[in-house]
Protein backbone atom coordinates (compact mmCIF):
# COMPACT_ATOMS: atom_id res chain seq x y z
CA MET A 1 150.47 33.95 34.24
CA ARG A 2 152.75 31.13 33.53
CA ARG A 3 151.20 28.30 31.17
CA ILE A 4 150.86 24.75 32.69
CA PRO A 5 153.81 22.68 32.11
CA ALA A 6 151.92 19.48 30.38
CA LEU A 7 150.41 21.48 27.93
CA SER A 8 153.38 23.58 27.05
CA ALA A 9 155.24 20.39 26.58
CA LEU A 10 152.40 18.99 23.79
CA SER A 11 152.39 22.15 21.60
CA ALA A 12 156.46 22.01 21.77
CA VAL A 13 156.09 17.99 20.26
CA LEU A 14 153.13 19.37 17.79
CA LEU A 15 155.82 21.68 16.45
CA ALA A 16 158.86 19.42 16.37
CA LEU A 17 156.50 17.01 14.40
CA ALA A 18 155.48 19.81 11.55
CA ALA A 19 159.24 20.73 11.07
CA PRO A 20 159.97 17.90 8.63
CA LEU A 21 157.47 17.29 6.96
CA ALA A 22 157.13 17.25 3.17
CA ALA A 23 155.31 19.94 1.34
CA ASP A 24 152.55 18.17 -0.13
CA ASP A 25 151.72 16.39 3.35
CA ALA A 26 148.61 19.25 3.28
CA GLU A 27 146.05 17.16 4.86
CA LEU A 28 148.57 15.95 7.66
CA ARG A 29 149.31 19.64 8.21
CA GLU A 30 145.74 20.94 8.81
CA GLU A 31 145.27 18.35 11.19
CA ILE A 32 148.25 19.49 13.37
CA ARG A 33 147.16 22.87 12.96
CA LYS A 34 143.64 21.79 14.30
CA LEU A 35 145.16 19.90 17.28
CA ARG A 36 147.67 22.65 18.10
CA ALA A 37 144.27 25.14 18.27
CA LYS A 38 142.57 23.17 20.05
CA VAL A 39 145.71 22.88 22.70
CA GLU A 40 145.80 26.64 22.46
CA ALA A 41 142.55 27.13 23.36
CA LEU A 42 142.62 24.40 26.38
CA GLU A 43 145.85 26.13 27.77
CA ALA A 44 144.22 29.41 27.41
CA GLN A 45 141.15 28.54 29.43
CA GLN A 46 143.21 26.92 32.05
CA THR A 47 144.87 30.27 32.46
CA THR A 48 141.48 31.99 32.92
CA LEU A 49 140.37 29.63 35.41
CA ILE A 50 143.69 29.84 37.62
CA GLY A 51 143.69 33.76 37.36
CA GLU A 52 139.47 33.97 38.61
CA GLU A 53 140.40 31.29 41.15
CA ILE A 54 143.57 33.55 42.59
CA GLU A 55 141.01 36.71 42.68
CA GLU A 56 138.49 34.70 44.44
CA TYR A 57 141.10 33.67 46.99
CA LEU A 58 142.85 37.26 47.47
CA ALA A 59 139.38 38.83 47.91
CA ALA A 60 138.65 35.84 50.60
CA GLN A 61 141.89 36.69 52.33
CA GLN A 62 141.25 40.63 52.46
CA ALA A 63 137.42 40.23 53.77
CA PHE A 64 139.10 37.79 56.32
CA ARG A 65 141.37 40.24 57.73
CA GLY A 66 138.94 42.83 57.45
CA ALA A 67 136.36 40.67 59.42
CA GLN A 68 139.60 40.15 62.03
CA GLY A 69 140.44 43.90 62.30
CA GLY A 70 143.89 45.45 62.55
CA GLU A 71 145.56 46.89 65.46
CA GLN A 72 144.74 50.43 63.85
CA ASP A 73 140.55 49.52 64.55
CA ARG A 74 141.55 49.22 67.88
CA ILE A 75 142.30 53.10 68.48
CA THR A 76 140.24 55.77 68.50
CA LEU A 77 141.44 59.37 68.15
CA HIS A 78 139.52 62.52 69.11
CA ALA A 79 140.71 65.99 68.62
CA SER A 80 139.37 69.71 69.35
CA VAL A 81 140.67 73.42 69.43
CA THR A 82 138.68 75.72 71.00
CA GLY A 83 139.10 79.93 71.44
CA VAL A 84 137.59 81.74 73.64
CA LEU A 85 137.07 85.45 73.89
CA GLN A 86 135.54 87.40 76.59
CA GLY A 87 135.26 91.29 77.43
CA THR A 88 133.52 93.14 79.99
CA VAL A 89 131.44 95.80 79.60
CA GLY A 90 130.31 99.31 80.74
CA LEU A 91 133.58 98.95 83.29
CA ASP A 92 135.40 101.92 81.90
CA PRO A 93 138.13 102.49 82.26
CA ASN A 94 138.30 99.40 83.85
CA ASN A 95 136.92 97.18 81.36
CA ARG A 96 138.97 93.45 80.52
CA SER A 97 139.45 91.92 77.30
CA VAL A 98 140.58 88.01 77.60
CA VAL A 99 141.54 85.84 74.91
CA ASN A 100 142.19 82.19 75.66
CA GLY A 101 142.23 78.70 74.32
CA ASP A 102 143.26 74.92 74.51
CA TYR A 103 143.43 72.15 72.48
CA ASP A 104 142.44 68.59 73.24
CA LEU A 105 143.53 65.16 72.28
CA ASP A 106 142.22 62.17 73.38
CA PHE A 107 142.93 58.54 72.50
CA ASP A 108 141.44 55.08 73.49
CA PHE A 109 142.69 51.61 73.15
CA GLN A 110 140.91 48.48 73.04
CA VAL A 111 142.74 46.23 74.36
CA SER A 112 140.38 43.40 74.68
CA ASP A 113 136.84 43.22 74.72
CA ASP A 114 136.64 43.95 78.06
CA VAL A 115 139.86 46.03 78.76
CA ALA A 116 140.38 49.10 77.40
CA ILE A 117 143.10 51.94 77.88
CA PHE A 118 142.13 55.87 78.18
CA LEU A 119 144.66 59.12 77.62
CA ARG A 120 143.25 62.73 77.78
CA MET A 121 145.81 64.98 76.99
CA THR A 122 145.68 68.97 76.92
CA GLY A 123 147.28 72.41 76.34
CA ASN A 124 146.41 75.41 77.02
CA GLY A 125 148.03 79.03 77.48
CA VAL A 126 147.19 79.53 81.17
CA ASP A 127 149.48 79.17 83.90
CA PRO A 128 148.73 77.20 87.36
CA GLY A 129 146.17 79.12 89.38
CA GLY A 130 145.07 81.29 86.50
CA SER A 131 147.44 83.75 86.59
CA ASP A 132 147.35 85.16 83.06
CA GLY A 133 144.71 84.40 81.12
CA SER A 134 141.22 83.06 82.69
CA PHE A 135 138.59 84.71 84.17
CA PRO A 136 137.96 85.35 86.87
CA SER A 137 141.28 86.04 88.15
CA GLN A 138 141.56 88.30 85.38
CA PHE A 139 139.48 91.05 87.25
CA GLY A 140 142.69 90.94 89.48
CA SER A 141 145.80 92.74 89.09
CA VAL A 142 147.65 91.65 85.49
CA VAL A 143 150.92 92.59 84.22
CA VAL A 144 151.26 93.04 80.41
CA GLY A 145 153.34 94.22 77.97
CA SER A 146 157.35 94.64 77.31
CA PRO A 147 158.20 96.84 79.66
CA PRO A 148 155.65 95.62 81.97
CA GLN A 149 152.45 97.51 82.88
CA THR A 150 150.34 97.05 85.62
CA PHE A 151 146.67 97.20 85.73
CA GLY A 152 145.23 96.58 89.44
CA PRO A 153 142.15 94.95 90.50
CA ILE A 154 138.76 96.06 88.74
CA ALA A 155 136.82 92.91 91.37
CA GLY A 156 136.90 89.35 92.39
CA PRO A 157 135.56 86.12 91.46
CA THR A 158 131.94 85.90 90.76
CA LEU A 159 130.22 83.08 93.28
CA SER A 160 130.71 80.38 90.42
CA GLY A 161 134.39 80.95 90.30
CA LEU A 162 135.47 81.25 94.25
CA PHE A 163 136.16 78.25 95.09
CA ASP A 164 137.73 76.52 92.28
CA GLY A 165 138.83 79.23 90.01
CA VAL A 166 137.05 78.61 86.81
CA GLY A 167 133.56 80.82 86.90
CA VAL A 168 132.69 82.54 83.59
CA ASN A 169 134.71 80.89 81.69
CA GLY A 170 134.01 77.01 81.68
CA THR A 171 136.77 75.95 79.59
CA THR A 172 139.39 77.21 82.10
CA PRO A 173 141.89 74.07 82.71
CA VAL A 174 141.70 72.22 85.50
CA SER A 175 144.93 70.45 84.41
CA PRO A 176 147.18 73.70 83.22
CA GLY A 177 149.83 73.85 81.22
CA THR A 178 151.50 73.62 77.22
CA ALA A 179 150.98 69.83 76.83
CA THR A 180 149.40 68.28 79.98
CA MET A 181 147.61 64.81 80.65
CA TYR A 182 144.74 65.55 82.06
CA GLU A 183 143.26 62.07 82.38
CA ALA A 184 145.14 58.70 82.00
CA GLY A 185 143.25 55.21 83.27
CA VAL A 186 142.36 51.44 82.46
CA ARG A 187 138.49 50.83 81.75
CA PHE A 188 137.12 47.29 82.35
CA SER A 189 134.45 45.17 83.18
CA CYS A 190 133.46 41.83 84.19
CA ARG A 191 130.00 39.66 85.05
CA VAL A 192 129.48 38.58 88.22
CA GLY A 193 125.99 36.22 87.93
CA GLU A 194 123.81 38.08 85.24
CA ILE A 195 125.57 41.80 86.31
CA THR A 196 128.25 43.51 84.34
CA LEU A 197 130.33 45.67 86.67
CA HIS A 198 132.43 48.54 84.98
CA HIS A 199 135.33 49.95 86.52
CA GLU A 200 137.61 52.63 85.80
CA ILE A 201 141.17 53.26 87.42
CA GLY A 202 143.56 55.81 87.31
CA GLU A 203 144.08 59.99 86.97
CA ILE A 204 140.26 60.63 86.35
CA ASP A 205 138.43 63.82 86.79
CA PRO A 206 134.85 63.38 88.78
CA ARG A 207 133.43 66.55 87.07
CA THR A 208 133.21 64.32 84.03
CA ARG A 209 131.38 61.81 85.81
CA PHE A 210 128.86 63.15 88.30
CA LEU A 211 125.57 65.38 87.89
CA GLN A 212 125.90 65.12 84.36
CA ASN A 213 123.19 66.92 81.82
CA ASP A 214 123.12 66.19 78.36
CA ILE A 215 122.34 69.84 77.23
CA ALA A 216 124.33 71.72 79.85
CA ASP A 217 127.63 69.57 80.16
CA ASP A 218 130.12 70.76 77.82
CA ALA A 219 131.43 74.23 78.22
CA GLU A 220 133.39 73.47 74.83
CA THR A 221 130.04 73.34 72.61
CA GLN A 222 126.96 74.11 75.14
CA PHE A 223 127.19 77.01 77.88
CA LEU A 224 130.05 78.84 78.82
CA ASN A 225 129.84 79.99 82.45
CA ASP A 226 130.97 76.94 84.91
CA LEU A 227 127.82 77.34 86.90
CA PHE A 228 125.75 75.92 83.82
CA VAL A 229 128.27 72.90 83.57
CA ASN A 230 129.93 71.81 86.85
CA PRO A 231 127.88 73.14 89.92
CA PRO A 232 129.79 75.16 92.19
CA ALA A 233 127.90 73.78 95.68
CA VAL A 234 130.33 70.74 95.01
CA GLU A 235 133.75 70.77 95.92
CA TRP A 236 135.54 69.00 93.08
CA LEU A 237 138.99 67.91 93.95
CA THR A 238 140.24 69.34 90.36
CA ASP A 239 140.50 73.01 90.09
CA ALA A 240 142.66 75.65 88.53
CA THR A 241 145.36 75.28 90.14
CA GLY A 242 146.13 71.81 88.65
CA ARG A 243 145.50 69.58 91.37
CA THR A 244 146.25 65.92 90.15
CA SER A 245 142.71 63.42 91.08
CA TYR A 246 143.66 59.71 91.17
CA GLY A 247 140.01 57.52 91.64
CA TYR A 248 137.96 54.86 91.24
CA HIS A 249 134.75 54.82 89.04
CA GLY A 250 132.23 52.12 88.88
CA TRP A 251 129.40 51.41 87.39
CA ILE A 252 126.35 49.38 86.96
CA LYS A 253 123.55 49.34 84.01
CA LEU A 254 120.04 47.37 85.44
CA GLY A 255 116.63 46.72 83.71
CA SER A 256 115.71 45.29 80.90
CA ASN A 257 116.46 48.13 78.90
CA GLN A 258 119.80 48.95 81.14
CA GLN A 259 117.68 52.00 81.57
CA TRP A 260 118.84 52.31 85.06
CA THR A 261 122.86 53.31 85.86
CA VAL A 262 124.07 53.14 89.37
CA SER A 263 127.75 54.91 89.58
CA TYR A 264 130.00 55.39 92.39
CA GLY A 265 133.75 56.45 92.96
CA TRP A 266 136.06 57.41 95.40
CA PHE A 267 139.06 60.25 94.47
CA ASN A 268 142.10 61.75 96.13
CA SER A 269 145.19 63.66 95.59
CA PRO A 270 148.38 60.96 95.34
CA GLY A 271 149.66 60.07 98.57
CA GLN A 272 147.83 58.91 101.39
CA TRP A 273 144.84 57.96 99.08
CA PHE A 274 142.57 56.07 101.69
CA ASN A 275 142.45 59.47 103.82
CA HIS A 276 140.33 62.24 103.49
CA GLY A 277 139.11 61.65 99.87
CA GLN A 278 135.62 61.97 98.18
CA LEU A 279 132.87 59.53 97.92
CA TYR A 280 129.91 59.87 95.32
CA ILE A 281 127.01 57.64 94.71
CA GLN A 282 124.79 58.42 91.72
CA GLY A 283 121.69 56.86 90.48
CA ALA A 284 120.39 57.86 87.05
CA TRP A 285 117.41 56.83 84.68
CA ARG A 286 117.68 57.11 81.01
CA GLY A 287 114.51 56.42 78.82
CA GLU A 288 112.05 57.93 76.16
CA VAL A 289 108.97 60.08 77.06
CA SER A 290 106.60 60.66 73.85
CA GLY A 291 109.50 59.18 71.92
CA ARG A 292 112.43 61.79 72.94
CA PRO A 293 115.22 61.09 75.45
CA MET A 294 114.83 62.29 79.23
CA ASN A 295 117.42 62.03 81.80
CA VAL A 296 117.33 62.00 85.49
CA ARG A 297 120.01 61.66 87.83
CA VAL A 298 120.58 62.05 91.84
CA LEU A 299 123.87 62.72 93.36
CA ALA A 300 125.06 62.12 96.75
CA TRP A 301 128.71 62.79 98.21
CA ILE A 302 130.98 63.03 101.70
CA GLN A 303 134.03 64.30 101.38
CA SER A 304 136.85 65.18 103.50
CA PHE A 305 139.70 66.12 101.36
CA PHE A 306 138.41 70.21 102.03
CA ARG A 307 137.99 70.86 105.76
CA ASP A 308 136.92 74.04 107.67
CA ALA A 309 138.26 75.26 110.70
CA ASP A 310 137.50 72.61 113.18
CA GLY A 311 138.72 70.15 110.70
CA GLU A 312 135.17 69.22 109.63
CA GLY A 313 134.67 67.85 105.92
CA SER A 314 131.27 68.43 104.07
CA ALA A 315 128.31 66.69 102.28
CA GLY A 316 125.97 67.07 100.08
CA GLY A 317 123.62 66.21 97.27
CA GLY A 318 122.03 67.43 93.64
CA ALA A 319 119.88 66.46 90.77
CA SER A 320 119.58 66.77 87.32
CA TRP A 321 117.04 66.41 84.78
CA ASP A 322 117.24 67.21 80.76
CA TRP A 323 114.65 66.12 78.34
CA PHE A 324 113.70 67.11 74.56
CA VAL A 325 109.82 68.38 74.76
CA THR A 326 109.81 68.24 70.83
CA GLU A 327 112.25 67.42 68.07
CA LYS A 328 114.28 70.77 68.15
CA VAL A 329 113.54 72.05 71.73
CA GLY A 330 115.24 70.87 75.24
CA LEU A 331 114.58 72.01 78.72
CA TRP A 332 116.96 71.20 81.73
CA VAL A 333 117.26 72.17 85.36
CA ARG A 334 119.61 71.01 87.75
CA ILE A 335 120.58 71.74 91.63
CA ALA A 336 122.99 71.18 94.06
CA ILE A 337 123.38 72.09 97.98
CA ASN A 338 125.94 71.56 100.37
CA GLY A 339 125.68 70.78 103.83
CA GLY A 340 128.80 72.09 105.31
CA ASP A 341 130.82 75.36 106.06
CA VAL A 342 134.08 74.58 103.75
CA ASN A 343 132.59 76.04 100.08
CA PRO A 344 131.55 79.52 100.03
CA VAL A 345 128.62 78.14 97.84
CA GLU A 346 125.47 76.96 100.31
CA ALA A 347 123.31 75.96 96.96
CA ASP A 348 123.27 76.58 93.48
CA TYR A 349 119.91 76.16 91.10
CA SER A 350 119.61 76.79 87.55
CA PHE A 351 117.41 75.79 84.31
CA GLY A 352 117.91 76.67 80.79
CA VAL A 353 116.63 75.71 77.39
CA VAL A 354 118.11 75.14 73.94
CA TRP A 355 116.52 75.39 70.40
CA ASN A 356 117.85 73.50 67.56
CA GLY A 357 117.70 74.68 64.08
CA PRO A 358 116.06 77.96 64.83
CA PHE A 359 115.48 79.22 61.19
CA SER A 360 114.87 76.68 58.28
CA ARG A 361 118.12 78.00 56.54
CA ARG A 362 120.39 77.20 59.70
CA PRO A 363 119.01 73.59 60.33
CA ASP A 364 121.72 72.84 62.40
CA ASP A 365 122.21 75.96 64.31
CA GLN A 366 121.37 76.18 68.04
CA ILE A 367 120.46 78.93 70.44
CA GLY A 368 120.80 78.43 74.09
CA ALA A 369 119.56 80.23 77.44
CA ALA A 370 120.28 79.57 81.04
CA VAL A 371 119.33 81.12 84.33
CA GLY A 372 121.09 80.30 87.80
CA PHE A 373 121.14 81.32 91.18
CA ILE A 374 123.94 80.81 93.61
CA SER A 375 123.37 81.04 97.75
CA ALA A 376 126.61 82.36 99.45
CA ASN A 377 127.27 80.39 102.74
CA THR A 378 127.09 83.46 105.10
CA ASN A 379 129.26 80.99 107.68
CA VAL A 380 132.07 81.25 105.38
CA LEU A 381 131.51 84.81 103.57
CA VAL A 382 131.29 86.32 106.91
CA GLY A 383 129.67 89.86 106.13
CA VAL A 384 128.54 88.90 102.33
CA PRO A 385 126.16 92.28 101.41
CA GLU A 386 124.12 89.83 99.28
CA ASP A 387 123.55 86.50 99.67
CA THR A 388 122.71 85.68 96.22
CA GLU A 389 124.08 85.61 92.79
CA VAL A 390 122.15 85.39 89.40
CA THR A 391 123.47 84.61 86.22
CA ILE A 392 122.16 84.72 82.71
CA GLU A 393 123.75 83.45 79.62
CA LEU A 394 122.37 84.02 76.11
CA TYR A 395 124.15 82.25 72.91
CA TYR A 396 123.75 81.59 69.24
CA LYS A 397 126.06 78.64 67.84
CA LEU A 398 126.77 78.77 64.43
CA MET A 399 127.07 75.05 62.74
CA LEU A 400 129.84 75.59 59.56
CA GLU A 401 131.61 73.30 57.59
CA GLY A 402 128.88 70.53 58.24
CA GLY A 403 129.04 71.06 62.30
CA LYS A 404 133.34 71.03 62.07
CA LEU A 405 133.72 74.50 63.02
CA GLN A 406 131.39 75.79 65.27
CA VAL A 407 131.15 79.77 66.29
CA THR A 408 129.35 80.94 69.20
CA PRO A 409 128.65 84.56 70.41
CA GLY A 410 127.16 85.08 74.01
CA LEU A 411 125.97 87.34 76.46
CA MET A 412 126.66 87.02 80.09
CA ILE A 413 124.67 89.34 82.56
CA VAL A 414 125.80 88.88 86.61
CA THR A 415 123.60 90.53 89.04
CA ASP A 416 125.49 91.07 92.79
CA PRO A 417 128.48 89.59 91.42
CA GLY A 418 130.62 87.79 94.31
CA GLY A 419 127.86 88.53 96.55
CA GLY A 420 128.80 92.36 96.51
CA LEU A 421 131.68 91.64 98.43
CA PRO A 422 134.63 94.40 97.39
CA PRO A 423 136.54 95.23 95.48
CA TRP A 424 132.95 95.11 93.42
CA GLN A 425 131.46 98.16 92.61
CA ASP A 426 128.80 97.62 90.29
CA ASP A 427 125.53 95.63 90.85
CA VAL A 428 125.56 94.36 87.22
CA LEU A 429 128.43 92.71 85.50
CA PHE A 430 127.91 92.33 81.70
CA ILE A 431 130.35 89.63 79.66
CA LEU A 432 130.21 89.67 75.50
CA GLY A 433 132.11 86.80 74.27
CA VAL A 434 132.90 84.70 71.21
CA ARG A 435 133.77 81.01 71.47
CA VAL A 436 135.56 79.38 68.40
CA HIS A 437 135.36 75.31 68.53
CA VAL A 438 136.88 72.69 65.77
CA PRO A 439 136.26 69.01 66.35
CA PHE A 440 137.74 66.27 64.83
């Protein structure tokens, strides 16, 4: 810290006056010494005060910058890695085992209070069409090894994956590739009177926006079979072929506590975007019953992207409900019904239960059980032996490392898979599996 110039000069003058004094002028030297001591004390006091002022200034500036927020505070990053191992049981000598995995990298950029950019990237080991790593296509012929060895088909897809190619492994990507852009778009809001309108435009997937369920909506952390994640009675525009979906999604929140949400969307592939697309309209209510959260969603859709032999599209509707009846136990139900002759699935019905903290020593673990029924559309699947496929899924999710490592062994049982269509020869399909998920 530099000395104050005026005080430093005064000290220099006192030193200059003291130098020529005779040795016997003791009294005068003592007075000069006292005066010099006072000057030095004053100088030290001033130095301390200036230092305190500088520290207060720097602290205020740091607090101001923190309140304003840097550019990095406007960026949110989420990442995860998921691996799935599944194997059939009881199909000797034709049992199959499949290992698959993917990683997700999500960015959100808050451009302003009302505008944001979102990017959803994914990478996985599945070629378009699911030819090398996904159930249910793995029930067909596979070629492995070097030199290549061919294993013939053991069956076709289950009804849960007959239309979109996802099926018994809900993590099968709808945007396959080593590193691809799954979603990218702009989210913004604007006020019209007392109502705020929310919008999303870009490469977006209707699967993640309609007929959701808080307990059964994520194959990476909840139920794995796609029947319990994305109802197969809906003709989702995205599927295992990797088709790109461009769309508009909007929603309005109503009510004193904004417990009501009306959402709507139009989705299509690139090209003639306004022709032969898909329209979704959904009403939802979120509130508390007995002090615990409950969700109710009702969906209607009409689409002409997929058409039957007569060039007709389809329409349908569905509903979803979930509620934690106690602090640990949650129930859910979901149905979807299709009124056209495009989808081989006419309707699906599913319900289940989850139990959080089933053991006192494992308060973060979870047990899940679900049952689903799929009714085949016999106008599409002509001559199907069985018109109903039943799926049961059980899992136990181990939460390790504070939830940063999730290991989930599970069992699936599918009766009359694929409606019993050839080449299925067994009435019951057993699949054992384990899923590992690491979120960040």
